[in-house]
Amino acid sequence: TFAPITPEPQKPDPVFGLKFTIEARHGGTVPVDLTTLDPRPLAIAFADALRRSAALGGSIGAATVIQQYVQIYRRFFAWLNHDAPGVVGVSDLRAVHIDGFARTLERGGMHPTFHHRVVSIIVNTLRAIDANRPDWIAPDLHGRLRYILTTSKGRSIPRDAYSPFVARALRDAARADVEAIFRRLSAEDRTEDKPAIARARAKVEALIARDGAVVATGPEVRHLYYMRERHGMPSSGLMDDLHGRYHLLAPDLPPLLVLLTLDTGLEPECLKALTVDCLANARSGTVELRYLKRRARGAEHKSMRVRDGGSATPGGLIRRLIDVTSAARKHLPGDCLWTYHQDGGLRTGILVSKYHFASWVARHNIVDDEGKPLNLWLSRLRKTHKALWYTKTEGHMARFAVGHSREVAARHYADLPSLRSLHEATVADAFREVVAATRSIVLVPAAEQALREAPEQAAPLMPTDTVGPLLDGEQDVWLAACTGFYSSPYADTGSPCAQPFWGCLDCPNAVITARKLPAILAFLTFVEEQRRGLPASDWAAKFGHVHARITAQVLPAFSDAVVANARQQMASERLYLPPEARG
């Protein structure tokens, strides 16, 4: 009852020679031209491996990675032609060829990270060939394909963040341009002074509204050029002017990307891959931003909460972009957020070059911290967003590590050269707090009088009723008054203090007043006399710290008159040092 099944004839290989096109899963179409590679049999094997690796289910999914493979192939084949001319096909390759190519890269001064990446592309290609045709791979090369390099690829050097000064300049310039873009797209119809030019322009704009774009060689556009030239009107930038009222233009992308990156901190590759359905679950002035991160193997689909409202918020800006790009999206396949006019046609996806970013920076005269023209990198903008958020959260890792583990956030986004001064200042402040917490309290005569008049000021340190006896000398030890001889931080509570008497100079229980200066000066005289009789290392170990404490911190707190009066008392009174000073 069924017709006999006739097997379909096998389709010919779509790869003809070494020139073909790959439809990448991410990034669009990539034309591949390997016709200049020699030897040809080896080049055909590499081309076939590249095509299979970039197919559905293969290890290569991004257009940029395919382009990297092609560039490394050219470098590897150039090395083979120079250093291994006997290699014709895959079966002629040996382990020494992989190692020789790696040594050449290393001698050229290539950074270990890039060195590892370049060699891995060649090894991965040969692994793909081995998986398809294992009989082509020599035994020693088969063993060599088990690893990339015997040396470590090292730690990559993270890009630094821009300073807050540069970030503010970029944000202000981008926000001004974005507002101008939306005003341009929402402007009413432009009126021309000349009726003939207005009619010609109306015909062209009708075609743009219908077809999405026009080319400069079309009859209607040529007629408009002719009419403007006839009336002595300039035509420079006319195509951008015509399409700019309906679509985004390529020069509009740098400020949009800069502003969104600074506001969200999204990775550049994730930002470029946003789709029109990236916003969801709006609530309480925020919205969920969904994006694709291809590098996160097994967890590519991610989301973050961003502010939502007017165009000054990330959510509001993306909503405006979805609205203004809807007209261009009717004429383009896919759901990519980024649709715009460039080079006489509508484009989808971010295809702008470094030139557009440099031109935008130059137009706004944005400079770096040294006053030089800024070299703008989107990846550094992400670091800038992270650095600003790190400063705002005061380094609190639980709040700072959004979208990353704490270890990754600390290594890649907190350990930046631009944040080094902040870290050093924080460490210095911590040391100062520790030292201050262990110091004795120095009361100059004015402060002592104020404490007598208002004893409640000492409440955090001691009971109010003990202030008077302490200041009157009833709780004196040798160099200070002690607020708690039996509650020393250096002994168990209830036990007497076991520190040497000069330990009071670093004890938080000690209160040093002008009344104790004669004893302190007498001890200072003794310490300086000991310098003459002890080796320098022994003297520094025993008395170096206390000497610095007296001369640099205690005595400078008192006026010269108070210190001079204390010296007179020391000379007139016979002050004896405790026996432990000579122990």
Protein backbone atom coordinates (compact mmCIF):
# COMPACT_ATOMS: atom_id res chain seq x y z
CA THR A 1 0.00 0.00 0.00
CA PHE A 2 3.00 2.32 0.38
CA ALA A 3 5.18 3.50 -2.43
CA PRO A 4 8.73 2.20 -2.33
CA ILE A 5 11.12 4.50 -0.49
CA THR A 6 13.80 5.86 -2.70
CA PRO A 7 16.86 7.14 -0.80
CA GLU A 8 17.64 10.77 -1.41
CA PRO A 9 20.80 11.38 -3.35
CA GLN A 10 23.64 12.61 -1.16
CA LYS A 11 24.00 16.38 -1.37
CA PRO A 12 27.36 17.60 -2.52
CA ASP A 13 29.67 19.22 0.01
CA PRO A 14 28.83 22.94 0.07
CA VAL A 15 32.51 23.76 0.61
CA PHE A 16 34.06 24.35 -2.79
CA GLY A 17 37.78 24.85 -2.46
CA LEU A 18 38.78 27.14 0.37
CA LYS A 19 36.28 29.96 0.02
CA PHE A 20 32.92 29.62 1.76
CA THR A 21 30.51 31.29 4.19
CA ILE A 22 29.64 30.26 7.75
CA GLU A 23 26.37 31.21 9.41
CA ALA A 24 27.56 31.70 12.99
CA ARG A 25 25.14 31.00 15.79
CA HIS A 26 26.04 34.38 17.26
CA GLY A 27 27.22 37.39 15.29
CA GLY A 28 25.82 36.78 11.80
CA THR A 29 27.47 35.61 8.59
CA VAL A 30 31.24 35.20 8.33
CA PRO A 31 32.88 34.95 4.88
CA VAL A 32 35.93 32.66 5.05
CA ASP A 33 38.65 32.85 2.41
CA LEU A 34 41.58 30.46 2.87
CA THR A 35 42.62 30.32 -0.77
CA THR A 36 45.98 31.94 -0.03
CA LEU A 37 47.02 29.18 2.40
CA ASP A 38 49.66 26.74 1.26
CA PRO A 39 49.96 23.72 1.24
CA ARG A 40 46.48 23.26 -0.16
CA PRO A 41 45.74 19.69 1.14
CA LEU A 42 46.44 20.79 4.70
CA ALA A 43 44.42 23.97 4.17
CA ILE A 44 41.42 21.94 2.94
CA ALA A 45 41.59 19.76 6.07
CA PHE A 46 41.72 22.83 8.33
CA ALA A 47 38.84 24.48 6.45
CA ASP A 48 36.67 21.37 6.81
CA ALA A 49 37.44 21.16 10.54
CA LEU A 50 36.55 24.83 10.98
CA ARG A 51 33.23 24.41 9.17
CA ARG A 52 32.27 21.38 11.27
CA SER A 53 33.31 23.07 14.52
CA ALA A 54 31.14 26.08 13.67
CA ALA A 55 28.10 23.96 12.75
CA LEU A 56 25.20 23.35 15.10
CA GLY A 57 26.50 21.47 18.12
CA GLY A 58 30.10 22.42 17.40
CA SER A 59 32.51 24.10 19.79
CA ILE A 60 32.57 27.44 17.94
CA GLY A 61 29.48 29.63 18.07
CA ALA A 62 30.56 33.26 17.74
CA ALA A 63 31.47 35.04 14.53
CA THR A 64 34.41 36.76 16.21
CA VAL A 65 35.88 33.40 17.26
CA ILE A 66 35.64 32.12 13.67
CA GLN A 67 37.55 35.20 12.53
CA GLN A 68 40.21 34.52 15.19
CA TYR A 69 40.61 30.95 13.90
CA VAL A 70 41.14 32.21 10.35
CA GLN A 71 43.79 34.71 11.51
CA ILE A 72 45.68 32.06 13.50
CA TYR A 73 45.51 29.66 10.54
CA ARG A 74 47.28 32.25 8.39
CA ARG A 75 49.98 32.65 11.04
CA PHE A 76 50.50 28.91 11.42
CA PHE A 77 50.70 28.26 7.68
CA ALA A 78 53.18 31.13 7.27
CA TRP A 79 55.37 29.47 9.92
CA LEU A 80 55.09 26.08 8.17
CA ASN A 81 56.15 27.56 4.83
CA HIS A 82 59.22 29.09 6.48
CA ASP A 83 60.29 26.43 9.02
CA ALA A 84 58.65 23.19 7.80
CA PRO A 85 58.37 23.28 4.00
CA GLY A 86 58.14 19.49 3.81
CA VAL A 87 54.65 19.41 5.35
CA VAL A 88 52.00 18.83 2.67
CA GLY A 89 49.03 17.23 4.42
CA VAL A 90 47.81 16.41 7.91
CA SER A 91 49.68 13.09 7.89
CA ASP A 92 52.97 15.01 7.59
CA LEU A 93 52.45 16.98 10.79
CA ARG A 94 54.35 15.89 13.89
CA ALA A 95 54.55 16.98 17.52
CA VAL A 96 57.76 18.90 16.77
CA HIS A 97 55.80 21.19 14.46
CA ILE A 98 53.36 22.17 17.21
CA ASP A 99 56.21 22.71 19.68
CA GLY A 100 58.28 24.62 17.13
CA PHE A 101 55.38 26.96 16.38
CA ALA A 102 54.86 27.48 20.12
CA ARG A 103 58.56 28.29 20.67
CA THR A 104 58.48 30.82 17.83
CA LEU A 105 55.54 32.60 19.44
CA GLU A 106 57.32 32.60 22.80
CA ARG A 107 60.53 34.00 21.33
CA GLY A 108 58.47 36.74 19.71
CA GLY A 109 57.55 38.01 23.18
CA MET A 110 53.89 36.99 23.13
CA HIS A 111 52.17 37.17 26.51
CA PRO A 112 51.62 33.68 28.03
CA THR A 113 47.84 34.10 27.95
CA PHE A 114 47.75 34.90 24.21
CA HIS A 115 50.47 32.31 23.58
CA HIS A 116 48.24 29.65 25.10
CA ARG A 117 45.23 30.87 23.12
CA VAL A 118 47.00 30.79 19.75
CA VAL A 119 48.40 27.28 20.24
CA SER A 120 45.04 26.03 21.52
CA ILE A 121 43.37 27.04 18.23
CA ILE A 122 45.80 24.88 16.24
CA VAL A 123 45.50 21.98 18.70
CA ASN A 124 41.69 22.19 18.75
CA THR A 125 41.59 22.13 14.95
CA LEU A 126 43.78 19.03 14.82
CA ARG A 127 41.61 17.41 17.48
CA ALA A 128 38.57 18.04 15.26
CA ILE A 129 40.42 16.46 12.33
CA ASP A 130 41.39 13.49 14.51
CA ALA A 131 37.75 12.99 15.57
CA ASN A 132 36.67 12.82 11.92
CA ARG A 133 39.70 11.09 10.34
CA PRO A 134 41.87 9.48 13.03
CA ASP A 135 43.91 7.65 10.36
CA TRP A 136 45.38 10.98 9.24
CA ILE A 137 47.06 11.79 12.56
CA ALA A 138 50.56 10.42 13.23
CA PRO A 139 51.01 8.52 16.55
CA ASP A 140 53.35 11.06 18.15
CA LEU A 141 51.06 13.93 17.11
CA HIS A 142 48.10 12.05 18.58
CA GLY A 143 49.84 12.04 21.96
CA ARG A 144 50.77 15.72 21.62
CA LEU A 145 47.10 16.67 21.13
CA ARG A 146 46.34 15.67 24.72
CA TYR A 147 47.56 19.03 26.04
CA ILE A 148 48.03 22.60 24.82
CA LEU A 149 51.34 23.65 26.40
CA THR A 150 53.53 22.37 29.20
CA THR A 151 53.84 25.86 30.64
CA SER A 152 51.19 27.77 32.54
CA LYS A 153 49.21 30.35 30.63
CA GLY A 154 49.69 32.67 33.60
CA ARG A 155 47.26 35.13 35.03
CA SER A 156 45.65 37.57 32.68
CA ILE A 157 46.15 41.27 33.34
CA PRO A 158 42.70 42.75 33.95
CA ARG A 159 41.85 45.99 32.25
CA ASP A 160 41.77 48.95 34.59
CA ALA A 161 38.70 51.09 35.19
CA TYR A 162 38.47 54.69 34.07
CA SER A 163 38.69 57.32 36.78
CA PRO A 164 35.52 58.98 38.13
CA PHE A 165 36.57 62.13 36.22
CA VAL A 166 36.56 60.26 32.88
CA ALA A 167 33.40 58.35 33.77
CA ARG A 168 31.57 61.61 34.48
CA ALA A 169 32.68 63.11 31.17
CA LEU A 170 31.58 60.00 29.26
CA ARG A 171 28.24 59.82 31.02
CA ASP A 172 27.45 63.51 30.46
CA ALA A 173 28.38 63.36 26.76
CA ALA A 174 26.44 60.13 26.20
CA ARG A 175 23.32 61.37 27.98
CA ALA A 176 23.28 64.61 25.98
CA ASP A 177 23.63 62.71 22.71
CA VAL A 178 20.96 60.15 23.61
CA GLU A 179 18.47 62.92 24.38
CA ALA A 180 19.31 64.55 21.03
CA ILE A 181 18.78 61.21 19.22
CA PHE A 182 15.32 60.72 20.67
CA ARG A 183 14.38 64.34 19.90
CA ARG A 184 15.46 63.79 16.28
CA LEU A 185 13.42 60.61 15.93
CA SER A 186 10.33 62.18 17.46
CA ALA A 187 10.52 65.48 15.54
CA GLU A 188 7.69 66.56 13.28
CA ASP A 189 8.02 66.61 9.51
CA ARG A 190 10.70 68.96 8.32
CA THR A 191 9.54 71.72 6.00
CA GLU A 192 11.63 72.88 3.08
CA ASP A 193 11.78 76.46 1.91
CA LYS A 194 11.56 75.45 -1.74
CA PRO A 195 8.30 73.69 -2.75
CA ALA A 196 10.08 71.68 -5.45
CA ILE A 197 12.63 70.36 -2.97
CA ALA A 198 9.86 69.62 -0.46
CA ARG A 199 8.00 67.52 -3.04
CA ALA A 200 11.17 65.63 -4.03
CA ARG A 201 12.00 65.00 -0.39
CA ALA A 202 8.48 63.79 0.35
CA LYS A 203 8.76 61.16 -2.40
CA VAL A 204 12.04 59.87 -0.95
CA GLU A 205 10.66 59.77 2.60
CA ALA A 206 7.61 57.89 1.37
CA LEU A 207 9.93 55.23 -0.02
CA ILE A 208 11.84 55.06 3.27
CA ALA A 209 8.60 54.63 5.18
CA ARG A 210 7.54 51.86 2.80
CA ASP A 211 10.79 49.99 2.14
CA GLY A 212 12.83 50.94 5.20
CA ALA A 213 15.73 52.47 3.25
CA VAL A 214 16.70 53.92 -0.12
CA VAL A 215 19.96 53.92 -2.03
CA ALA A 216 21.70 56.98 -3.41
CA THR A 217 21.43 55.67 -6.99
CA GLY A 218 17.62 55.49 -6.96
CA PRO A 219 15.81 57.89 -9.33
CA GLU A 220 13.93 59.67 -6.55
CA VAL A 221 17.11 60.24 -4.53
CA ARG A 222 19.04 61.38 -7.58
CA HIS A 223 16.25 63.82 -8.38
CA LEU A 224 16.42 65.22 -4.84
CA TYR A 225 20.20 65.64 -5.16
CA TYR A 226 19.67 67.45 -8.46
CA MET A 227 17.04 69.79 -7.02
CA ARG A 228 19.22 70.71 -4.05
CA GLU A 229 22.22 71.33 -6.30
CA ARG A 230 20.09 73.43 -8.61
CA HIS A 231 19.08 75.69 -5.73
CA GLY A 232 22.62 75.89 -4.36
CA MET A 233 21.92 73.78 -1.28
CA PRO A 234 24.59 71.41 0.17
CA SER A 235 23.95 67.68 -0.04
CA SER A 236 26.66 66.40 2.30
CA GLY A 237 25.18 63.95 4.79
CA LEU A 238 21.82 63.94 3.02
CA MET A 239 21.38 60.16 3.24
CA ASP A 240 21.93 60.19 7.00
CA ASP A 241 19.59 63.15 7.31
CA LEU A 242 16.86 61.32 5.38
CA HIS A 243 17.15 58.02 7.24
CA GLY A 244 17.94 59.60 10.62
CA ARG A 245 14.32 60.76 10.99
CA TYR A 246 13.12 57.13 10.87
CA HIS A 247 15.96 54.94 12.14
CA LEU A 248 19.00 54.93 14.35
CA LEU A 249 22.28 55.62 12.57
CA ALA A 250 25.67 53.98 13.10
CA PRO A 251 27.07 57.14 14.82
CA ASP A 252 24.18 56.88 17.32
CA LEU A 253 25.44 53.58 18.72
CA PRO A 254 28.54 54.75 20.69
CA PRO A 255 26.62 57.04 23.11
CA LEU A 256 23.87 54.44 23.56
CA LEU A 257 26.36 51.67 24.33
CA VAL A 258 28.42 53.90 26.63
CA LEU A 259 25.40 55.00 28.64
CA LEU A 260 23.92 51.51 29.00
CA THR A 261 27.27 50.01 29.99
CA LEU A 262 27.92 52.65 32.65
CA ASP A 263 24.38 52.30 34.02
CA THR A 264 24.10 48.50 34.03
CA GLY A 265 27.69 47.18 34.02
CA LEU A 266 26.65 44.60 31.42
CA GLU A 267 29.40 42.81 29.48
CA PRO A 268 29.86 44.31 25.98
CA GLU A 269 29.10 41.01 24.22
CA CYS A 270 25.94 40.59 26.30
CA LEU A 271 24.85 44.16 25.63
CA LYS A 272 25.30 43.70 21.88
CA ALA A 273 23.16 40.53 21.93
CA LEU A 274 20.10 42.05 23.66
CA THR A 275 16.75 41.22 22.08
CA VAL A 276 13.43 43.07 22.01
CA ASP A 277 12.00 40.78 24.72
CA CYS A 278 14.86 41.38 27.18
CA LEU A 279 12.67 43.24 29.71
CA ALA A 280 10.28 41.33 32.00
CA ASN A 281 8.67 41.35 35.45
CA ALA A 282 8.55 45.08 36.14
CA ARG A 283 7.81 45.99 39.73
CA SER A 284 8.59 48.69 42.30
CA GLY A 285 10.48 50.94 39.90
CA THR A 286 12.71 48.13 38.63
CA VAL A 287 12.57 45.65 35.77
CA GLU A 288 14.33 42.36 35.07
CA LEU A 289 16.88 42.61 32.25
CA ARG A 290 17.42 39.22 30.61
CA TYR A 291 20.55 38.64 28.57
CA LEU A 292 22.71 35.88 27.11
CA LYS A 293 26.26 35.28 28.32
CA ARG A 294 27.79 32.68 26.01
CA ARG A 295 30.95 32.27 28.09
CA ALA A 296 28.95 30.93 31.06
CA ARG A 297 28.81 27.33 29.85
CA GLY A 298 25.68 25.68 31.20
CA ALA A 299 24.27 28.94 32.62
CA GLU A 300 24.17 31.19 29.55
CA HIS A 301 20.77 32.74 30.26
CA LYS A 302 21.10 35.34 33.01
CA SER A 303 19.20 38.33 34.35
CA MET A 304 19.68 41.36 36.55
CA ARG A 305 17.42 43.93 38.17
CA VAL A 306 17.80 47.48 36.81
CA ARG A 307 16.02 50.73 37.50
CA ASP A 308 12.93 51.37 35.40
CA GLY A 309 11.18 54.64 34.65
CA GLY A 310 12.07 57.48 32.29
CA SER A 311 14.77 57.41 29.64
CA ALA A 312 17.30 58.35 32.36
CA THR A 313 16.99 54.79 33.73
CA PRO A 314 18.31 51.66 32.00
CA GLY A 315 14.85 50.13 31.75
CA GLY A 316 13.32 53.29 30.30
CA LEU A 317 16.18 53.72 27.83
CA ILE A 318 15.81 50.15 26.53
CA ARG A 319 12.04 50.65 26.16
CA ARG A 320 12.68 53.74 24.05
CA LEU A 321 15.16 51.79 21.93
CA ILE A 322 12.63 49.02 21.35
CA ASP A 323 10.13 51.64 20.21
CA VAL A 324 12.40 53.62 17.87
CA THR A 325 13.87 50.51 16.22
CA SER A 326 10.51 48.83 15.53
CA ALA A 327 10.21 50.47 12.09
CA ALA A 328 13.56 49.05 10.94
CA ARG A 329 12.83 45.64 12.44
CA LYS A 330 9.86 45.19 10.08
CA HIS A 331 12.33 44.90 7.22
CA LEU A 332 14.94 42.74 8.98
CA PRO A 333 14.89 39.15 10.26
CA GLY A 334 15.40 38.29 13.90
CA ASP A 335 14.61 40.03 17.15
CA CYS A 336 17.89 41.84 17.83
CA LEU A 337 17.46 45.12 19.68
CA TRP A 338 20.12 46.89 17.65
CA THR A 339 18.75 47.80 14.21
CA TYR A 340 20.01 50.90 12.40
CA HIS A 341 20.95 52.41 9.03
CA GLN A 342 24.52 52.19 7.78
CA ASP A 343 26.21 52.25 4.36
CA GLY A 344 23.02 52.57 2.33
CA GLY A 345 21.01 49.86 4.07
CA LEU A 346 19.49 48.63 7.30
CA ARG A 347 21.67 46.56 9.58
CA THR A 348 21.03 44.37 12.61
CA GLY A 349 23.59 43.68 15.33
CA ILE A 350 26.51 45.84 16.43
CA LEU A 351 28.86 46.14 13.45
CA VAL A 352 30.32 49.57 14.18
CA SER A 353 34.09 49.86 14.12
CA LYS A 354 36.60 51.42 16.49
CA TYR A 355 36.51 54.47 14.24
CA HIS A 356 32.96 55.36 15.33
CA PHE A 357 33.94 55.34 19.00
CA ALA A 358 37.10 57.37 18.36
CA SER A 359 35.11 59.87 16.31
CA TRP A 360 32.52 60.23 19.07
CA VAL A 361 35.22 60.78 21.70
CA ALA A 362 36.97 63.36 19.50
CA ARG A 363 33.71 65.20 18.80
CA HIS A 364 33.15 65.70 22.52
CA ASN A 365 36.86 66.34 23.22
CA ILE A 366 36.94 63.72 26.00
CA VAL A 367 40.41 63.28 27.50
CA ASP A 368 41.96 60.93 30.02
CA ASP A 369 43.47 61.86 33.39
CA GLU A 370 46.66 63.04 31.69
CA GLY A 371 44.84 65.33 29.27
CA LYS A 372 45.40 63.06 26.25
CA PRO A 373 42.62 61.96 23.86
CA LEU A 374 40.77 59.09 25.50
CA ASN A 375 41.17 55.58 24.09
CA LEU A 376 37.68 54.22 24.65
CA TRP A 377 37.09 50.52 25.42
CA LEU A 378 33.65 49.18 26.29
CA SER A 379 35.23 46.50 28.49
CA ARG A 380 36.86 49.25 30.58
CA LEU A 381 33.46 50.88 30.97
CA ARG A 382 32.21 47.71 32.62
CA LYS A 383 35.20 47.84 34.97
CA THR A 384 34.36 51.50 35.62
CA HIS A 385 30.80 50.61 36.59
CA LYS A 386 32.11 47.93 38.93
CA ALA A 387 34.70 50.27 40.46
CA LEU A 388 32.08 52.95 41.14
CA TRP A 389 29.77 50.37 42.69
CA TYR A 390 32.67 49.01 44.77
CA THR A 391 33.31 52.50 46.13
CA LYS A 392 29.62 53.03 46.83
CA THR A 393 29.31 49.74 48.74
CA GLU A 394 32.57 50.50 50.59
CA GLY A 395 34.01 47.16 49.53
CA HIS A 396 31.23 45.10 51.11
CA MET A 397 31.62 41.90 49.07
CA ALA A 398 28.13 40.57 49.78
CA ARG A 399 26.67 43.66 48.07
CA PHE A 400 29.43 44.15 45.52
CA ALA A 401 29.61 40.61 44.08
CA VAL A 402 26.54 40.80 41.82
CA GLY A 403 26.54 38.17 39.08
CA HIS A 404 29.86 36.66 40.23
CA SER A 405 31.26 34.64 43.06
CA ARG A 406 33.06 36.66 45.71
CA GLU A 407 36.42 35.29 44.58
CA VAL A 408 35.88 36.30 40.94
CA ALA A 409 34.50 39.71 41.91
CA ALA A 410 37.49 40.38 44.17
CA ARG A 411 40.10 39.20 41.65
CA HIS A 412 38.73 40.74 38.45
CA TYR A 413 36.76 43.80 39.57
CA ALA A 414 38.07 44.88 42.97
CA ASP A 415 41.81 44.28 42.50
CA LEU A 416 42.27 47.13 40.00
CA PRO A 417 45.12 49.66 39.77
CA SER A 418 42.63 52.54 39.95
CA LEU A 419 41.36 51.24 43.32
CA ARG A 420 44.81 50.68 44.80
CA SER A 421 44.94 54.08 46.47
CA LEU A 422 41.55 53.39 48.07
CA HIS A 423 42.76 50.05 49.41
CA GLU A 424 46.00 51.55 50.73
CA ALA A 425 44.11 54.37 52.46
CA THR A 426 41.73 51.83 54.02
CA VAL A 427 44.62 49.75 55.36
CA ALA A 428 46.31 52.87 56.73
CA ASP A 429 43.08 53.94 58.45
CA ALA A 430 42.72 50.48 59.96
CA PHE A 431 46.25 50.64 61.36
CA ARG A 432 45.59 54.09 62.77
CA GLU A 433 42.40 52.87 64.45
CA VAL A 434 44.23 49.92 65.99
CA VAL A 435 47.02 52.13 67.27
CA ALA A 436 44.55 54.69 68.60
CA ALA A 437 42.60 51.95 70.39
CA THR A 438 45.74 50.81 72.23
CA ARG A 439 47.07 54.25 73.16
CA SER A 440 46.78 55.87 76.52
CA ILE A 441 44.65 58.99 76.94
CA VAL A 442 46.63 62.25 76.99
CA LEU A 443 44.90 65.11 78.82
CA VAL A 444 46.37 68.57 78.42
CA PRO A 445 45.58 71.05 81.20
CA ALA A 446 42.64 72.58 79.31
CA ALA A 447 41.07 69.16 78.68
CA GLU A 448 41.72 68.16 82.27
CA GLN A 449 39.90 71.25 83.52
CA ALA A 450 36.98 70.60 81.17
CA LEU A 451 36.70 67.04 82.46
CA ARG A 452 36.68 68.25 86.07
CA GLU A 453 33.83 70.61 85.24
CA ALA A 454 31.86 68.00 83.29
CA PRO A 455 32.74 64.52 84.62
CA GLU A 456 29.92 62.93 82.58
CA GLN A 457 32.10 63.26 79.47
CA ALA A 458 34.20 60.34 80.77
CA ALA A 459 31.16 58.03 81.03
CA PRO A 460 32.23 55.63 78.25
CA LEU A 461 35.61 55.17 79.94
CA MET A 462 34.89 55.16 83.69
CA PRO A 463 32.15 55.86 86.20
CA THR A 464 31.50 59.55 86.74
CA ASP A 465 32.25 59.42 90.47
CA THR A 466 35.80 58.16 89.84
CA VAL A 467 36.86 61.05 87.61
CA GLY A 468 37.80 63.36 90.51
CA PRO A 469 39.95 60.82 92.40
CA LEU A 470 41.73 59.83 89.18
CA LEU A 471 42.61 63.44 88.31
CA ASP A 472 43.67 64.12 91.92
CA GLY A 473 46.27 61.33 91.76
CA GLU A 474 44.56 58.72 93.92
CA GLN A 475 44.84 56.11 91.11
CA ASP A 476 48.35 56.99 89.93
CA VAL A 477 50.91 54.48 88.80
CA TRP A 478 54.45 55.47 87.84
CA LEU A 479 53.90 57.21 84.47
CA ALA A 480 50.13 57.76 84.38
CA ALA A 481 46.84 57.51 86.19
CA CYS A 482 45.13 54.12 85.75
CA THR A 483 41.39 53.73 85.24
CA GLY A 484 41.50 50.00 85.96
CA PHE A 485 44.60 48.47 87.52
CA TYR A 486 42.68 45.24 88.13
CA SER A 487 40.95 45.23 84.74
CA SER A 488 44.03 45.40 82.55
CA PRO A 489 43.70 44.36 78.87
CA TYR A 490 46.95 42.42 79.42
CA ALA A 491 45.75 40.27 82.35
CA ASP A 492 42.68 38.40 83.53
CA THR A 493 39.95 40.49 85.09
CA GLY A 494 40.56 40.82 88.84
CA SER A 495 44.30 40.29 88.50
CA PRO A 496 46.79 43.15 88.86
CA CYS A 497 48.38 44.50 85.69
CA ALA A 498 51.51 42.53 84.79
CA GLN A 499 52.97 44.99 82.30
CA PRO A 500 56.26 46.88 82.98
CA PHE A 501 55.60 50.38 84.18
CA TRP A 502 56.37 51.94 80.77
CA GLY A 503 53.62 49.76 79.26
CA CYS A 504 51.21 52.42 80.53
CA LEU A 505 52.24 54.57 77.57
CA ASP A 506 50.43 52.12 75.25
CA CYS A 507 47.60 51.06 77.55
CA PRO A 508 44.02 52.26 76.89
CA ASN A 509 43.43 52.32 80.67
CA ALA A 510 46.13 54.95 81.21
CA VAL A 511 45.40 58.67 81.52
CA ILE A 512 48.43 60.95 81.13
CA THR A 513 48.13 64.43 82.64
CA ALA A 514 50.59 67.28 83.14
CA ARG A 515 51.14 66.04 86.71
CA LYS A 516 52.90 62.91 85.34
CA LEU A 517 55.21 64.77 82.94
CA PRO A 518 58.15 65.02 85.43
CA ALA A 519 58.18 61.23 85.84
CA ILE A 520 57.90 60.73 82.07
CA LEU A 521 60.78 63.13 81.46
CA ALA A 522 62.88 61.37 84.09
CA PHE A 523 62.22 58.04 82.40
CA LEU A 524 63.07 59.61 79.01
CA THR A 525 66.42 60.78 80.41
CA PHE A 526 67.11 57.27 81.67
CA VAL A 527 66.21 55.74 78.27
CA GLU A 528 68.54 58.10 76.43
CA GLU A 529 71.35 57.32 78.87
CA GLN A 530 70.86 53.61 78.17
CA ARG A 531 71.49 54.24 74.46
CA ARG A 532 75.17 54.93 75.27
CA GLY A 533 75.66 51.68 77.15
CA LEU A 534 73.64 49.17 75.08
CA PRO A 535 74.15 47.87 71.55
CA ALA A 536 71.89 49.67 69.09
CA SER A 537 69.81 46.56 68.33
CA ASP A 538 69.30 45.76 72.03
CA TRP A 539 68.37 49.34 72.87
CA ALA A 540 65.90 49.51 69.96
CA ALA A 541 64.30 46.22 70.98
CA LYS A 542 63.82 47.32 74.61
CA PHE A 543 63.32 51.09 74.50
CA GLY A 544 62.90 52.12 70.83
CA HIS A 545 59.12 52.07 70.80
CA VAL A 546 58.60 53.77 74.15
CA HIS A 547 61.15 56.46 73.23
CA ALA A 548 59.23 57.24 70.03
CA ARG A 549 55.95 57.21 71.94
CA ILE A 550 57.19 59.86 74.40
CA THR A 551 59.01 62.11 71.96
CA ALA A 552 56.60 61.94 69.01
CA GLN A 553 53.17 61.60 70.66
CA VAL A 554 53.09 62.41 74.38
CA LEU A 555 55.29 65.51 74.71
CA PRO A 556 54.01 67.24 71.49
CA ALA A 557 50.49 67.14 72.97
CA PHE A 558 51.52 69.62 75.69
CA SER A 559 52.59 73.20 75.22
CA ASP A 560 56.25 74.21 75.50
CA ALA A 561 55.54 76.06 78.74
CA VAL A 562 54.00 72.99 80.38
CA VAL A 563 56.93 70.79 79.29
CA ALA A 564 59.48 73.39 80.51
CA ASN A 565 57.73 73.56 83.89
CA ALA A 566 57.81 69.76 84.13
CA ARG A 567 61.56 69.75 83.41
CA GLN A 568 62.11 72.20 86.30
CA GLN A 569 60.10 69.95 88.63
CA MET A 570 62.10 66.93 87.49
CA ALA A 571 65.37 68.75 88.26
CA SER A 572 64.22 69.98 91.68
CA GLU A 573 62.66 66.69 92.79
CA ARG A 574 64.50 63.43 93.32
CA LEU A 575 62.63 60.92 91.12
CA TYR A 576 63.63 57.27 91.42
CA LEU A 577 62.88 54.73 88.70
CA PRO A 578 61.38 51.37 89.61
CA PRO A 579 63.92 48.52 89.71
CA GLU A 580 62.42 46.83 86.62
CA ALA A 581 63.79 49.68 84.45
CA ARG A 582 67.28 48.25 84.95
CA GLY A 583 66.28 44.60 84.64
